Each structure stands twice: as C-alpha cells, then as structure tokens.
Amino acid sequence: MSRFSLRTAFPRTPNPLSQAVAERQSRGLPLLDLAENNPTRVGLPQPDPRVLLKPGPPGLP
C-alpha cells in the first residue's frame, strides 16, 4: 500500500481496485498487468534481429 503524507486528506485505506488485486494474488490467480512494458515478461518472443533498428551516426546511406 502506498503511503501519502500525513498532511493530506487522502483516505489511508486500500481502494476497491487494490483490494481486488490483493485478493487475486492471495488466491494465486493470474493478473493481467496492462502497464508492463517488457514484452519478454508477458510471454512474447524476442524479435528477429534482422528487423531491429540499427541506427548509425551518419544516418541512412
């Protein structure tokens, strides 16, 4: 649970979304993290090296 400064008036209890996430995690159920930015962590394969951009200082020939 994230903590805010005591000077704020934010409620210090978990919101419904964080409660639902914690419940799924406690049951061992999978979660779909839409904020994940590493494709290999979500089961996508490494791209073919031939399609990767290889920038060079002089630019395109």
N, C-alpha and C. Protein backbone atom coordinates (compact mmCIF):
# COMPACT_ATOMS: atom_id res chain seq x y z
N MET A 1 0.85 -1.17 0.00
CA MET A 1 0.00 0.00 0.00
C MET A 1 0.89 1.23 0.00
N SER A 2 0.60 2.18 -0.90
CA SER A 2 1.41 3.40 -0.91
C SER A 2 1.00 4.31 0.23
N ARG A 3 1.95 5.06 0.65
CA ARG A 3 1.73 5.96 1.79
C ARG A 3 1.80 7.40 1.30
N PHE A 4 0.88 8.21 1.77
CA PHE A 4 0.89 9.63 1.47
C PHE A 4 1.29 10.39 2.71
N SER A 5 1.64 11.63 2.51
CA SER A 5 1.98 12.49 3.63
C SER A 5 0.80 12.58 4.58
N LEU A 6 1.09 12.67 5.85
CA LEU A 6 0.02 12.80 6.84
C LEU A 6 -0.70 14.14 6.72
N ARG A 7 -0.12 15.07 5.96
CA ARG A 7 -0.76 16.37 5.76
C ARG A 7 -1.89 16.31 4.74
N THR A 8 -2.00 15.23 3.99
CA THR A 8 -3.08 15.12 3.00
C THR A 8 -4.34 14.58 3.65
N ALA A 9 -5.43 14.74 2.95
CA ALA A 9 -6.71 14.23 3.45
C ALA A 9 -7.12 12.95 2.73
N PHE A 10 -6.16 12.30 2.04
CA PHE A 10 -6.47 11.07 1.33
C PHE A 10 -6.83 9.97 2.32
N PRO A 11 -7.79 9.14 1.97
CA PRO A 11 -8.10 8.01 2.86
C PRO A 11 -6.91 7.06 2.93
N ARG A 12 -6.66 6.53 4.07
CA ARG A 12 -5.50 5.65 4.26
C ARG A 12 -5.88 4.18 4.23
N THR A 13 -7.01 3.90 3.61
CA THR A 13 -7.45 2.51 3.47
C THR A 13 -7.29 2.10 2.01
N PRO A 14 -7.09 0.83 1.75
CA PRO A 14 -6.95 0.38 0.36
C PRO A 14 -8.24 0.64 -0.43
N ASN A 15 -8.08 1.05 -1.69
CA ASN A 15 -9.24 1.28 -2.53
C ASN A 15 -9.76 -0.05 -3.08
N PRO A 16 -10.94 -0.08 -3.69
CA PRO A 16 -11.50 -1.35 -4.18
C PRO A 16 -10.60 -2.07 -5.18
N LEU A 17 -9.91 -1.32 -6.04
CA LEU A 17 -9.03 -1.96 -7.01
C LEU A 17 -7.86 -2.65 -6.33
N SER A 18 -7.20 -1.97 -5.40
CA SER A 18 -6.07 -2.60 -4.72
C SER A 18 -6.53 -3.78 -3.86
N GLN A 19 -7.75 -3.72 -3.32
CA GLN A 19 -8.29 -4.85 -2.58
C GLN A 19 -8.52 -6.05 -3.50
N ALA A 20 -9.05 -5.79 -4.71
CA ALA A 20 -9.29 -6.88 -5.66
C ALA A 20 -7.98 -7.51 -6.11
N VAL A 21 -6.96 -6.68 -6.35
CA VAL A 21 -5.65 -7.21 -6.75
C VAL A 21 -5.07 -8.06 -5.63
N ALA A 22 -5.12 -7.58 -4.41
CA ALA A 22 -4.59 -8.34 -3.27
C ALA A 22 -5.33 -9.65 -3.10
N GLU A 23 -6.64 -9.65 -3.31
CA GLU A 23 -7.42 -10.88 -3.16
C GLU A 23 -7.02 -11.90 -4.23
N ARG A 24 -6.87 -11.45 -5.48
CA ARG A 24 -6.46 -12.37 -6.56
C ARG A 24 -5.06 -12.93 -6.27
N GLN A 25 -4.16 -12.07 -5.81
CA GLN A 25 -2.81 -12.53 -5.52
C GLN A 25 -2.81 -13.54 -4.38
N SER A 26 -3.64 -13.31 -3.37
CA SER A 26 -3.68 -14.24 -2.24
C SER A 26 -4.24 -15.59 -2.65
N ARG A 27 -5.10 -15.61 -3.66
CA ARG A 27 -5.66 -16.88 -4.16
C ARG A 27 -4.76 -17.55 -5.18
N GLY A 28 -3.69 -16.87 -5.59
CA GLY A 28 -2.79 -17.43 -6.57
C GLY A 28 -3.31 -17.33 -7.99
N LEU A 29 -4.29 -16.45 -8.22
CA LEU A 29 -4.86 -16.28 -9.56
C LEU A 29 -3.99 -15.35 -10.38
N PRO A 30 -3.96 -15.54 -11.69
CA PRO A 30 -3.12 -14.68 -12.53
C PRO A 30 -3.69 -13.27 -12.66
N LEU A 31 -2.80 -12.33 -12.87
CA LEU A 31 -3.18 -10.93 -13.10
C LEU A 31 -2.67 -10.51 -14.46
N LEU A 32 -3.43 -9.70 -15.15
CA LEU A 32 -3.01 -9.14 -16.43
C LEU A 32 -2.56 -7.71 -16.17
N ASP A 33 -1.25 -7.48 -16.22
CA ASP A 33 -0.69 -6.16 -15.94
C ASP A 33 -0.59 -5.39 -17.25
N LEU A 34 -1.50 -4.47 -17.48
CA LEU A 34 -1.51 -3.70 -18.72
C LEU A 34 -0.45 -2.61 -18.73
N ALA A 35 0.25 -2.41 -17.64
CA ALA A 35 1.30 -1.41 -17.58
C ALA A 35 2.68 -2.01 -17.84
N GLU A 36 2.78 -3.32 -18.00
CA GLU A 36 4.07 -3.98 -18.25
C GLU A 36 4.61 -3.52 -19.59
N ASN A 37 5.88 -3.12 -19.64
CA ASN A 37 6.46 -2.63 -20.89
C ASN A 37 7.59 -3.51 -21.41
N ASN A 38 7.82 -4.66 -20.79
CA ASN A 38 8.84 -5.58 -21.25
C ASN A 38 8.13 -6.76 -21.91
N PRO A 39 8.20 -6.89 -23.24
CA PRO A 39 7.44 -7.94 -23.92
C PRO A 39 7.85 -9.35 -23.52
N THR A 40 9.10 -9.56 -23.11
CA THR A 40 9.51 -10.91 -22.74
C THR A 40 8.91 -11.34 -21.41
N ARG A 41 8.50 -10.39 -20.56
CA ARG A 41 7.88 -10.74 -19.28
C ARG A 41 6.45 -11.22 -19.45
N VAL A 42 5.84 -10.93 -20.58
CA VAL A 42 4.45 -11.35 -20.80
C VAL A 42 4.36 -12.47 -21.83
N GLY A 43 5.49 -13.10 -22.12
CA GLY A 43 5.48 -14.28 -22.97
C GLY A 43 5.67 -14.02 -24.45
N LEU A 44 5.95 -12.78 -24.85
CA LEU A 44 6.20 -12.52 -26.26
C LEU A 44 7.66 -12.85 -26.56
N PRO A 45 7.93 -13.44 -27.72
CA PRO A 45 9.31 -13.82 -28.03
C PRO A 45 10.17 -12.61 -28.40
N GLN A 46 11.48 -12.82 -28.33
CA GLN A 46 12.42 -11.80 -28.78
C GLN A 46 12.21 -11.59 -30.28
N PRO A 47 12.26 -10.35 -30.78
CA PRO A 47 12.09 -10.13 -32.22
C PRO A 47 13.30 -10.64 -33.00
N ASP A 48 13.06 -10.94 -34.25
CA ASP A 48 14.13 -11.36 -35.15
C ASP A 48 15.14 -10.22 -35.25
N PRO A 49 16.43 -10.49 -35.04
CA PRO A 49 17.44 -9.41 -35.07
C PRO A 49 17.47 -8.66 -36.40
N ARG A 50 16.99 -9.28 -37.49
CA ARG A 50 17.03 -8.62 -38.79
C ARG A 50 16.04 -7.46 -38.88
N VAL A 51 15.04 -7.43 -38.01
CA VAL A 51 14.04 -6.36 -38.09
C VAL A 51 14.31 -5.25 -37.08
N LEU A 52 15.35 -5.39 -36.27
CA LEU A 52 15.67 -4.36 -35.27
C LEU A 52 16.36 -3.17 -35.92
N LEU A 53 16.03 -1.99 -35.46
CA LEU A 53 16.65 -0.77 -35.96
C LEU A 53 18.09 -0.71 -35.47
N LYS A 54 18.99 -0.44 -36.38
CA LYS A 54 20.41 -0.28 -36.03
C LYS A 54 20.84 1.12 -36.46
N PRO A 55 20.54 2.11 -35.64
CA PRO A 55 20.88 3.48 -36.03
C PRO A 55 22.39 3.70 -36.07
N GLY A 56 22.81 4.50 -36.98
CA GLY A 56 24.22 4.83 -37.10
C GLY A 56 24.40 6.33 -37.13
N PRO A 57 25.57 6.83 -36.73
CA PRO A 57 25.79 8.27 -36.69
C PRO A 57 25.58 8.97 -38.04
N PRO A 58 26.01 8.39 -39.17
CA PRO A 58 25.83 9.12 -40.43
C PRO A 58 24.40 9.05 -40.98
N GLY A 59 23.56 8.24 -40.41
CA GLY A 59 22.20 8.10 -40.93
C GLY A 59 22.14 7.04 -42.02
N LEU A 60 21.09 7.11 -42.81
CA LEU A 60 20.93 6.13 -43.89
C LEU A 60 21.91 6.40 -45.02
N PRO A 61 22.36 5.33 -45.72
CA PRO A 61 23.30 5.54 -46.85
C PRO A 61 22.62 6.22 -48.03
